[in-house]
Amino acid sequence: MALKYSLVAALAVASFATAGIAQAKTVEIDMLNKDETGSMVFHPALVRAEPGDQIVFKAVAKIHMVKSINTMAPDGVKPVVGAMGADTTVTLTKEGVYGFECLPHYGMGMVALVVVGKPVNEAAAKDATATVPSMAKARFTKLFAQLDANP
């Protein structure tokens, strides 16, 4: 009888322990030639996620790809480099602000911000925009303003 209750208790603990894993979500970001905000865009360009969520960059237009901007990511995070014209899925587990670009259209301002949990590295990510192309910097400025307006 004691064994039966121990087994039930162990199963209950296991189900509570995995409940957080089951709640991870998938966030999709489309890579587009154009939307209501302009040309060569990620849509949405600013997303919020929780640690463990999957971010799927959808190659709606096959002339795009996604690459992380290493100077705009939390310390110790592995770089992301997707293939041209292919969907790219990443699971972000570390809190902070992550900057992404479409390498062929970076100079045209095709960038995105993903905020995972709390934006703990926001100041450093903002500082990193000093070295990005001017159109990318202008879009990042707008994205950071949106982030700051809705913390």
C-alpha atoms as a PDB file:
ATOM      1  CA  MET A   1       0.000   0.000   0.000  1.00  0.00           C
ATOM      2  CA  ALA A   2       2.850   2.414   0.880  1.00  0.00           C
ATOM      3  CA  LEU A   3       4.417   1.664  -2.485  1.00  0.00           C
ATOM      4  CA  LYS A   4       1.171   2.569  -4.248  1.00  0.00           C
ATOM      5  CA  TYR A   5       1.013   5.960  -2.498  1.00  0.00           C
ATOM      6  CA  SER A   6       4.714   6.586  -3.202  1.00  0.00           C
ATOM      7  CA  LEU A   7       4.125   5.916  -6.884  1.00  0.00           C
ATOM      8  CA  VAL A   8       1.116   8.260  -6.971  1.00  0.00           C
ATOM      9  CA  ALA A   9       3.113  10.967  -5.175  1.00  0.00           C
ATOM     10  CA  ALA A  10       6.042  10.556  -7.586  1.00  0.00           C
ATOM     11  CA  LEU A  11       3.729  10.866 -10.588  1.00  0.00           C
ATOM     12  CA  ALA A  12       2.123  13.992  -9.128  1.00  0.00           C
ATOM     13  CA  VAL A  13       5.534  15.598  -8.561  1.00  0.00           C
ATOM     14  CA  ALA A  14       6.610  14.691 -12.104  1.00  0.00           C
ATOM     15  CA  SER A  15       3.490  16.236 -13.614  1.00  0.00           C
ATOM     16  CA  PHE A  16       4.012  19.487 -11.680  1.00  0.00           C
ATOM     17  CA  ALA A  17       7.692  19.558 -12.679  1.00  0.00           C
ATOM     18  CA  THR A  18       6.871  19.215 -16.380  1.00  0.00           C
ATOM     19  CA  ALA A  19       3.934  21.635 -16.315  1.00  0.00           C
ATOM     20  CA  GLY A  20       6.239  24.600 -17.021  1.00  0.00           C
ATOM     21  CA  ILE A  21       7.748  22.843 -20.013  1.00  0.00           C
ATOM     22  CA  ALA A  22       4.337  22.217 -21.513  1.00  0.00           C
ATOM     23  CA  GLN A  23       3.523  25.921 -21.305  1.00  0.00           C
ATOM     24  CA  ALA A  24       6.322  26.983 -23.656  1.00  0.00           C
ATOM     25  CA  LYS A  25       4.867  28.671 -26.694  1.00  0.00           C
ATOM     26  CA  THR A  26       5.805  29.265 -30.299  1.00  0.00           C
ATOM     27  CA  VAL A  27       6.121  32.818 -31.587  1.00  0.00           C
ATOM     28  CA  GLU A  28       6.200  33.360 -35.346  1.00  0.00           C
ATOM     29  CA  ILE A  29       7.939  36.236 -37.095  1.00  0.00           C
ATOM     30  CA  ASP A  30       7.413  36.577 -40.838  1.00  0.00           C
ATOM     31  CA  MET A  31      10.241  37.687 -43.111  1.00  0.00           C
ATOM     32  CA  LEU A  32       8.527  39.869 -45.709  1.00  0.00           C
ATOM     33  CA  ASN A  33       9.336  42.088 -48.665  1.00  0.00           C
ATOM     34  CA  LYS A  34       6.777  44.643 -47.461  1.00  0.00           C
ATOM     35  CA  ASP A  35       4.103  45.341 -44.852  1.00  0.00           C
ATOM     36  CA  GLU A  36       2.331  48.436 -43.508  1.00  0.00           C
ATOM     37  CA  THR A  37       5.550  49.626 -41.814  1.00  0.00           C
ATOM     38  CA  GLY A  38       7.728  49.562 -44.931  1.00  0.00           C
ATOM     39  CA  SER A  39       9.881  47.396 -47.167  1.00  0.00           C
ATOM     40  CA  MET A  40      12.168  44.524 -46.191  1.00  0.00           C
ATOM     41  CA  VAL A  41      10.729  43.781 -42.752  1.00  0.00           C
ATOM     42  CA  PHE A  42      10.291  41.256 -40.027  1.00  0.00           C
ATOM     43  CA  HIS A  43       6.646  41.155 -38.945  1.00  0.00           C
ATOM     44  CA  PRO A  44       6.190  41.702 -36.116  1.00  0.00           C
ATOM     45  CA  ALA A  45       9.545  43.388 -35.637  1.00  0.00           C
ATOM     46  CA  LEU A  46       9.248  43.478 -31.829  1.00  0.00           C
ATOM     47  CA  VAL A  47       8.130  40.392 -29.956  1.00  0.00           C
ATOM     48  CA  ARG A  48       8.102  39.321 -26.350  1.00  0.00           C
ATOM     49  CA  ALA A  49       8.690  35.761 -25.276  1.00  0.00           C
ATOM     50  CA  GLU A  50       9.459  33.788 -22.158  1.00  0.00           C
ATOM     51  CA  PRO A  51      12.570  31.685 -21.582  1.00  0.00           C
ATOM     52  CA  GLY A  52      12.130  28.374 -23.387  1.00  0.00           C
ATOM     53  CA  ASP A  53       9.721  29.700 -26.007  1.00  0.00           C
ATOM     54  CA  GLN A  54      10.430  28.836 -29.623  1.00  0.00           C
ATOM     55  CA  ILE A  55      10.823  31.669 -32.093  1.00  0.00           C
ATOM     56  CA  VAL A  56      10.103  30.697 -35.695  1.00  0.00           C
ATOM     57  CA  PHE A  57      11.363  33.061 -38.378  1.00  0.00           C
ATOM     58  CA  LYS A  58       9.121  32.243 -41.361  1.00  0.00           C
ATOM     59  CA  ALA A  59      10.624  32.748 -44.829  1.00  0.00           C
ATOM     60  CA  VAL A  60       7.381  33.994 -46.379  1.00  0.00           C
ATOM     61  CA  ALA A  61       9.460  35.654 -49.076  1.00  0.00           C
ATOM     62  CA  LYS A  62      12.282  33.308 -50.054  1.00  0.00           C
ATOM     63  CA  ILE A  63      14.881  36.072 -50.486  1.00  0.00           C
ATOM     64  CA  HIS A  64      15.351  36.449 -46.723  1.00  0.00           C
ATOM     65  CA  MET A  65      17.254  34.772 -43.921  1.00  0.00           C
ATOM     66  CA  VAL A  66      17.827  35.500 -40.244  1.00  0.00           C
ATOM     67  CA  LYS A  67      21.049  36.068 -38.352  1.00  0.00           C
ATOM     68  CA  SER A  68      21.543  37.137 -34.757  1.00  0.00           C
ATOM     69  CA  ILE A  69      23.464  40.310 -34.058  1.00  0.00           C
ATOM     70  CA  ASN A  70      26.030  39.090 -31.558  1.00  0.00           C
ATOM     71  CA  THR A  71      26.557  42.496 -29.956  1.00  0.00           C
ATOM     72  CA  MET A  72      22.812  42.668 -29.274  1.00  0.00           C
ATOM     73  CA  ALA A  73      22.353  39.444 -27.317  1.00  0.00           C
ATOM     74  CA  PRO A  74      22.839  38.338 -23.723  1.00  0.00           C
ATOM     75  CA  ASP A  75      26.348  37.141 -22.872  1.00  0.00           C
ATOM     76  CA  GLY A  76      27.135  33.530 -23.665  1.00  0.00           C
ATOM     77  CA  VAL A  77      24.344  32.979 -26.192  1.00  0.00           C
ATOM     78  CA  LYS A  78      25.154  30.930 -29.296  1.00  0.00           C
ATOM     79  CA  PRO A  79      24.857  32.832 -32.589  1.00  0.00           C
ATOM     80  CA  VAL A  80      21.926  32.107 -34.895  1.00  0.00           C
ATOM     81  CA  VAL A  81      22.430  31.869 -38.658  1.00  0.00           C
ATOM     82  CA  GLY A  82      19.537  30.638 -40.761  1.00  0.00           C
ATOM     83  CA  ALA A  83      19.658  29.502 -44.356  1.00  0.00           C
ATOM     84  CA  MET A  84      18.507  31.716 -47.204  1.00  0.00           C
ATOM     85  CA  GLY A  85      14.845  31.179 -48.028  1.00  0.00           C
ATOM     86  CA  ALA A  86      14.266  28.750 -45.153  1.00  0.00           C
ATOM     87  CA  ASP A  87      12.319  28.917 -41.921  1.00  0.00           C
ATOM     88  CA  THR A  88      14.565  29.083 -38.864  1.00  0.00           C
ATOM     89  CA  THR A  89      13.497  27.985 -35.395  1.00  0.00           C
ATOM     90  CA  VAL A  90      15.376  28.968 -32.241  1.00  0.00           C
ATOM     91  CA  THR A  91      14.652  28.320 -28.595  1.00  0.00           C
ATOM     92  CA  LEU A  92      15.795  31.232 -26.453  1.00  0.00           C
ATOM     93  CA  THR A  93      16.385  30.321 -22.822  1.00  0.00           C
ATOM     94  CA  LYS A  94      18.327  33.287 -21.470  1.00  0.00           C
ATOM     95  CA  GLU A  95      16.528  36.490 -20.459  1.00  0.00           C
ATOM     96  CA  GLY A  96      17.375  39.632 -22.353  1.00  0.00           C
ATOM     97  CA  VAL A  97      17.126  41.552 -25.604  1.00  0.00           C
ATOM     98  CA  TYR A  98      18.137  39.821 -28.835  1.00  0.00           C
ATOM     99  CA  GLY A  99      18.744  41.692 -32.087  1.00  0.00           C
ATOM    100  CA  PHE A 100      18.242  39.939 -35.416  1.00  0.00           C
ATOM    101  CA  GLU A 101      18.940  40.916 -39.017  1.00  0.00           C
ATOM    102  CA  CYS A 102      18.288  39.662 -42.498  1.00  0.00           C
ATOM    103  CA  LEU A 103      21.871  39.645 -43.744  1.00  0.00           C
ATOM    104  CA  PRO A 104      21.116  40.590 -47.393  1.00  0.00           C
ATOM    105  CA  HIS A 105      18.785  43.421 -46.312  1.00  0.00           C
ATOM    106  CA  TYR A 106      20.478  44.639 -43.127  1.00  0.00           C
ATOM    107  CA  GLY A 107      21.576  47.866 -44.813  1.00  0.00           C
ATOM    108  CA  MET A 108      17.921  48.463 -45.761  1.00  0.00           C
ATOM    109  CA  GLY A 109      16.935  48.223 -42.095  1.00  0.00           C
ATOM    110  CA  MET A 110      15.556  44.676 -41.968  1.00  0.00           C
ATOM    111  CA  VAL A 111      15.945  44.040 -38.241  1.00  0.00           C
ATOM    112  CA  ALA A 112      13.931  42.670 -35.331  1.00  0.00           C
ATOM    113  CA  LEU A 113      14.047  42.693 -31.542  1.00  0.00           C
ATOM    114  CA  VAL A 114      13.053  39.706 -29.441  1.00  0.00           C
ATOM    115  CA  VAL A 115      12.718  40.336 -25.707  1.00  0.00           C
ATOM    116  CA  VAL A 116      12.893  37.188 -23.615  1.00  0.00           C
ATOM    117  CA  GLY A 117      11.625  37.684 -20.085  1.00  0.00           C
ATOM    118  CA  LYS A 118      13.152  40.845 -18.640  1.00  0.00           C
ATOM    119  CA  PRO A 119      15.276  43.044 -20.953  1.00  0.00           C
ATOM    120  CA  VAL A 120      18.311  42.746 -18.670  1.00  0.00           C
ATOM    121  CA  ASN A 121      20.831  43.757 -21.368  1.00  0.00           C
ATOM    122  CA  GLU A 122      18.744  46.533 -22.928  1.00  0.00           C
ATOM    123  CA  ALA A 123      21.289  49.303 -22.299  1.00  0.00           C
ATOM    124  CA  ALA A 124      24.100  47.293 -23.914  1.00  0.00           C
ATOM    125  CA  ALA A 125      21.871  46.352 -26.866  1.00  0.00           C
ATOM    126  CA  LYS A 126      20.959  50.023 -27.388  1.00  0.00           C
ATOM    127  CA  ASP A 127      24.643  50.980 -27.253  1.00  0.00           C
ATOM    128  CA  ALA A 128      25.393  48.325 -29.891  1.00  0.00           C
ATOM    129  CA  THR A 129      23.144  50.114 -32.383  1.00  0.00           C
ATOM    130  CA  ALA A 130      25.822  52.798 -32.720  1.00  0.00           C
ATOM    131  CA  THR A 131      27.684  50.539 -35.160  1.00  0.00           C
ATOM    132  CA  VAL A 132      24.782  49.254 -37.285  1.00  0.00           C
ATOM    133  CA  PRO A 133      23.845  50.648 -40.725  1.00  0.00           C
ATOM    134  CA  SER A 134      21.829  53.881 -40.548  1.00  0.00           C
ATOM    135  CA  MET A 135      18.490  52.423 -41.714  1.00  0.00           C
ATOM    136  CA  ALA A 136      18.842  49.536 -39.266  1.00  0.00           C
ATOM    137  CA  LYS A 137      19.671  52.012 -36.512  1.00  0.00           C
ATOM    138  CA  ALA A 138      16.536  54.044 -37.303  1.00  0.00           C
ATOM    139  CA  ARG A 139      14.351  50.916 -37.062  1.00  0.00           C
ATOM    140  CA  PHE A 140      16.045  49.786 -33.864  1.00  0.00           C
ATOM    141  CA  THR A 141      15.449  53.250 -32.372  1.00  0.00           C
ATOM    142  CA  LYS A 142      11.714  52.869 -33.063  1.00  0.00           C
ATOM    143  CA  LEU A 143      11.661  49.329 -31.678  1.00  0.00           C
ATOM    144  CA  PHE A 144      13.414  50.347 -28.460  1.00  0.00           C
ATOM    145  CA  ALA A 145      10.970  53.265 -28.094  1.00  0.00           C
ATOM    146  CA  GLN A 146       8.067  50.781 -28.406  1.00  0.00           C
ATOM    147  CA  LEU A 147       9.711  48.524 -25.841  1.00  0.00           C
ATOM    148  CA  ASP A 148      10.253  51.389 -23.404  1.00  0.00           C
ATOM    149  CA  ALA A 149       6.686  52.639 -23.877  1.00  0.00           C
ATOM    150  CA  ASN A 150       5.314  49.216 -22.863  1.00  0.00           C
ATOM    151  CA  PRO A 151       7.781  47.722 -20.350  1.00  0.00           C
END
